[in-house]
C-alpha atoms as a PDB file:
ATOM      1  CA  MET A   1       6.097  25.357 -14.183  1.00  0.00           C
ATOM      2  CA  GLY A   2       4.752  21.923 -13.549  1.00  0.00           C
ATOM      3  CA  ASN A   3       2.654  20.147 -11.065  1.00  0.00           C
ATOM      4  CA  ALA A   4       3.678  18.321  -7.938  1.00  0.00           C
ATOM      5  CA  THR A   5       3.415  14.904  -9.554  1.00  0.00           C
ATOM      6  CA  SER A   6       5.498  15.784 -12.615  1.00  0.00           C
ATOM      7  CA  LEU A   7       8.181  18.367 -11.933  1.00  0.00           C
ATOM      8  CA  PRO A   8      10.100  19.597 -15.002  1.00  0.00           C
ATOM      9  CA  PHE A   9      13.526  19.305 -13.378  1.00  0.00           C
ATOM     10  CA  ALA A  10      16.409  16.867 -13.626  1.00  0.00           C
ATOM     11  CA  ASP A  11      16.990  14.152 -11.074  1.00  0.00           C
ATOM     12  CA  GLY A  12      18.930  15.482  -8.094  1.00  0.00           C
ATOM     13  CA  ALA A  13      18.602  19.106  -9.225  1.00  0.00           C
ATOM     14  CA  PHE A  14      17.929  20.650  -5.789  1.00  0.00           C
ATOM     15  CA  ASP A  15      19.466  20.690  -2.330  1.00  0.00           C
ATOM     16  CA  ALA A  16      16.030  21.380  -0.824  1.00  0.00           C
ATOM     17  CA  VAL A  17      12.360  21.159  -1.663  1.00  0.00           C
ATOM     18  CA  VAL A  18      10.016  23.419   0.293  1.00  0.00           C
ATOM     19  CA  ALA A  19       6.318  22.628   0.133  1.00  0.00           C
ATOM     20  CA  GLY A  20       4.315  24.788   2.514  1.00  0.00           C
ATOM     21  CA  GLU A  21       0.708  23.672   2.862  1.00  0.00           C
ATOM     22  CA  VAL A  22       0.809  21.849  -0.484  1.00  0.00           C
ATOM     23  CA  ILE A  23       0.136  18.150  -0.014  1.00  0.00           C
ATOM     24  CA  ASP A  24      -3.247  18.703   1.639  1.00  0.00           C
ATOM     25  CA  HIS A  25      -4.411  20.265  -1.643  1.00  0.00           C
ATOM     26  CA  LEU A  26      -3.599  17.072  -3.558  1.00  0.00           C
ATOM     27  CA  THR A  27      -5.900  14.111  -3.950  1.00  0.00           C
ATOM     28  CA  PRO A  28      -4.914  11.118  -1.809  1.00  0.00           C
ATOM     29  CA  SER A  29      -3.771   9.248  -4.938  1.00  0.00           C
ATOM     30  CA  ASP A  30      -1.486  12.129  -5.949  1.00  0.00           C
ATOM     31  CA  VAL A  31       0.190  12.588  -2.552  1.00  0.00           C
ATOM     32  CA  GLY A  32       2.474   9.561  -2.857  1.00  0.00           C
ATOM     33  CA  ARG A  33       3.381  10.480  -6.413  1.00  0.00           C
ATOM     34  CA  ALA A  34       4.257  14.028  -5.347  1.00  0.00           C
ATOM     35  CA  LEU A  35       6.392  12.845  -2.425  1.00  0.00           C
ATOM     36  CA  ALA A  36       8.242  10.487  -4.774  1.00  0.00           C
ATOM     37  CA  GLU A  37       8.709  13.316  -7.265  1.00  0.00           C
ATOM     38  CA  PHE A  38      10.113  15.587  -4.534  1.00  0.00           C
ATOM     39  CA  ARG A  39      12.612  12.853  -3.688  1.00  0.00           C
ATOM     40  CA  ARG A  40      13.533  12.419  -7.363  1.00  0.00           C
ATOM     41  CA  VAL A  41      14.509  16.078  -7.754  1.00  0.00           C
ATOM     42  CA  LEU A  42      16.419  16.165  -4.452  1.00  0.00           C
ATOM     43  CA  ALA A  43      20.170  15.754  -4.527  1.00  0.00           C
ATOM     44  CA  PRO A  44      21.653  13.128  -2.203  1.00  0.00           C
ATOM     45  CA  HIS A  45      21.315  14.384   1.374  1.00  0.00           C
ATOM     46  CA  GLY A  46      18.878  17.052   0.169  1.00  0.00           C
ATOM     47  CA  ALA A  47      16.194  18.268   2.551  1.00  0.00           C
ATOM     48  CA  LEU A  48      12.443  18.079   2.168  1.00  0.00           C
ATOM     49  CA  LEU A  49      10.666  20.712   4.262  1.00  0.00           C
ATOM     50  CA  MET A  50       6.897  20.809   4.208  1.00  0.00           C
ATOM     51  CA  THR A  51       4.009  21.868   6.345  1.00  0.00           C
ATOM     52  CA  THR A  52       0.494  20.497   6.410  1.00  0.00           C
ATOM     53  CA  PRO A  53      -2.556  21.023   8.598  1.00  0.00           C
ATOM     54  CA  ASN A  54      -2.630  18.877  11.728  1.00  0.00           C
ATOM     55  CA  PRO A  55      -5.785  16.717  11.759  1.00  0.00           C
ATOM     56  CA  GLY A  56      -5.172  15.995  15.445  1.00  0.00           C
ATOM     57  CA  SER A  57      -5.107  19.608  16.619  1.00  0.00           C
ATOM     58  CA  VAL A  58      -7.133  20.383  19.719  1.00  0.00           C
ATOM     59  CA  LYS A  59      -8.773  23.367  18.030  1.00  0.00           C
ATOM     60  CA  LEU A  60     -10.024  21.179  15.200  1.00  0.00           C
ATOM     61  CA  LYS A  61     -11.172  18.445  17.602  1.00  0.00           C
ATOM     62  CA  LEU A  62     -13.022  20.882  19.878  1.00  0.00           C
ATOM     63  CA  SER A  63     -14.795  22.542  16.956  1.00  0.00           C
ATOM     64  CA  GLY A  64     -15.766  19.181  15.460  1.00  0.00           C
ATOM     65  CA  GLY A  65     -14.295  20.408  12.214  1.00  0.00           C
ATOM     66  CA  SER A  66     -12.405  18.687   9.462  1.00  0.00           C
ATOM     67  CA  ILE A  67      -9.471  19.655   7.319  1.00  0.00           C
ATOM     68  CA  LEU A  68     -11.239  18.272   4.278  1.00  0.00           C
ATOM     69  CA  ASN A  69     -13.260  20.714   2.172  1.00  0.00           C
ATOM     70  CA  ASP A  70     -13.455  21.951  -1.416  1.00  0.00           C
ATOM     71  CA  HIS A  71      -9.767  22.989  -1.360  1.00  0.00           C
ATOM     72  CA  HIS A  72      -8.175  20.571   1.115  1.00  0.00           C
ATOM     73  CA  LEU A  73      -8.452  17.210  -0.599  1.00  0.00           C
ATOM     74  CA  SER A  74      -6.386  15.038   1.732  1.00  0.00           C
ATOM     75  CA  THR A  75      -5.452  14.896   5.376  1.00  0.00           C
ATOM     76  CA  HIS A  76      -2.233  13.561   6.890  1.00  0.00           C
ATOM     77  CA  SER A  77      -1.575  12.320  10.386  1.00  0.00           C
ATOM     78  CA  PRO A  78       2.047  12.777  11.444  1.00  0.00           C
ATOM     79  CA  LYS A  79       2.472   9.034  12.013  1.00  0.00           C
ATOM     80  CA  ALA A  80       1.039   8.018   8.628  1.00  0.00           C
ATOM     81  CA  LEU A  81       2.992  10.704   6.760  1.00  0.00           C
ATOM     82  CA  THR A  82       6.229   9.666   8.490  1.00  0.00           C
ATOM     83  CA  LYS A  83       5.651   6.054   7.422  1.00  0.00           C
ATOM     84  CA  GLN A  84       4.820   7.116   3.861  1.00  0.00           C
ATOM     85  CA  LEU A  85       8.040   9.132   3.626  1.00  0.00           C
ATOM     86  CA  GLU A  86      10.137   6.317   5.096  1.00  0.00           C
ATOM     87  CA  ASP A  87       8.533   3.828   2.680  1.00  0.00           C
ATOM     88  CA  LEU A  88       9.672   6.122  -0.155  1.00  0.00           C
ATOM     89  CA  GLY A  89      13.234   6.001   1.172  1.00  0.00           C
ATOM     90  CA  TYR A  90      13.460   9.305   3.020  1.00  0.00           C
ATOM     91  CA  VAL A  91      15.542   9.174   6.187  1.00  0.00           C
ATOM     92  CA  GLY A  92      15.768  11.261   9.339  1.00  0.00           C
ATOM     93  CA  VAL A  93      12.088  12.236   9.330  1.00  0.00           C
ATOM     94  CA  VAL A  94      11.380  14.801  12.067  1.00  0.00           C
ATOM     95  CA  ILE A  95       7.989  16.298  12.899  1.00  0.00           C
ATOM     96  CA  SER A  96       7.591  19.537  14.849  1.00  0.00           C
ATOM     97  CA  GLY A  97       4.791  21.985  15.486  1.00  0.00           C
ATOM     98  CA  SER A  98       4.098  24.900  13.185  1.00  0.00           C
ATOM     99  CA  GLY A  99       1.376  27.427  12.587  1.00  0.00           C
ATOM    100  CA  ARG A 100       0.184  30.262  14.795  1.00  0.00           C
ATOM    101  CA  ALA A 101       0.833  28.350  18.021  1.00  0.00           C
ATOM    102  CA  THR A 102       4.584  28.577  17.403  1.00  0.00           C
ATOM    103  CA  ARG A 103       4.457  32.298  18.202  1.00  0.00           C
ATOM    104  CA  ARG A 104       3.241  31.486  21.679  1.00  0.00           C
ATOM    105  CA  PHE A 105       4.777  28.080  22.409  1.00  0.00           C
ATOM    106  CA  GLY A 106       7.692  27.676  20.004  1.00  0.00           C
ATOM    107  CA  ASP A 107       7.888  24.579  17.831  1.00  0.00           C
ATOM    108  CA  ARG A 108       9.196  21.926  20.182  1.00  0.00           C
ATOM    109  CA  LEU A 109       6.425  21.198  22.686  1.00  0.00           C
ATOM    110  CA  PRO A 110       5.975  17.441  22.962  1.00  0.00           C
ATOM    111  CA  PHE A 111       2.226  17.887  22.478  1.00  0.00           C
ATOM    112  CA  LEU A 112       1.654  18.099  18.740  1.00  0.00           C
ATOM    113  CA  TRP A 113      -2.102  18.492  19.316  1.00  0.00           C
ATOM    114  CA  ILE A 114      -1.480  22.135  20.324  1.00  0.00           C
ATOM    115  CA  TYR A 115      -0.407  23.020  16.792  1.00  0.00           C
ATOM    116  CA  GLY A 116      -2.780  23.683  13.892  1.00  0.00           C
ATOM    117  CA  SER A 117      -0.094  22.599  11.418  1.00  0.00           C
ATOM    118  CA  TYR A 118       3.118  20.676  11.593  1.00  0.00           C
ATOM    119  CA  LEU A 119       6.477  20.847   9.871  1.00  0.00           C
ATOM    120  CA  VAL A 120       8.034  17.743   8.354  1.00  0.00           C
ATOM    121  CA  ARG A 121      11.764  17.582   7.766  1.00  0.00           C
ATOM    122  CA  ALA A 122      13.161  14.609   5.869  1.00  0.00           C
ATOM    123  CA  VAL A 123      16.367  13.813   4.013  1.00  0.00           C
ATOM    124  CA  SER A 124      16.916  12.148   0.680  1.00  0.00           C
ATOM    125  CA  PRO A 125      19.569   9.449   1.149  1.00  0.00           C
END
């Protein structure tokens, strides 16, 4: 075991890293370190797959709520997270809807605000 900012695995050890609803539980200062660590353990052309709550979801906006609470320590807009991943060298970043709305609408509606979470797919070069 380890933590997201210091994984006990060799460089390039995995073809994929799956992090479902993980980064929102990290402090903002640890998010970048974790994303870099995920990239370190990915083999060339390895896939990063992760989900995170969508701070722009209509349900959240209508309720006046926030993702942030005692357990959710950071929030990530799709645009900012895409830039952060690209700045770390990930390529082919794709965002699609996830969460309960996918049962009703699928994951490819062009309106990300419908989804309570979103899926990020990125590739290690």
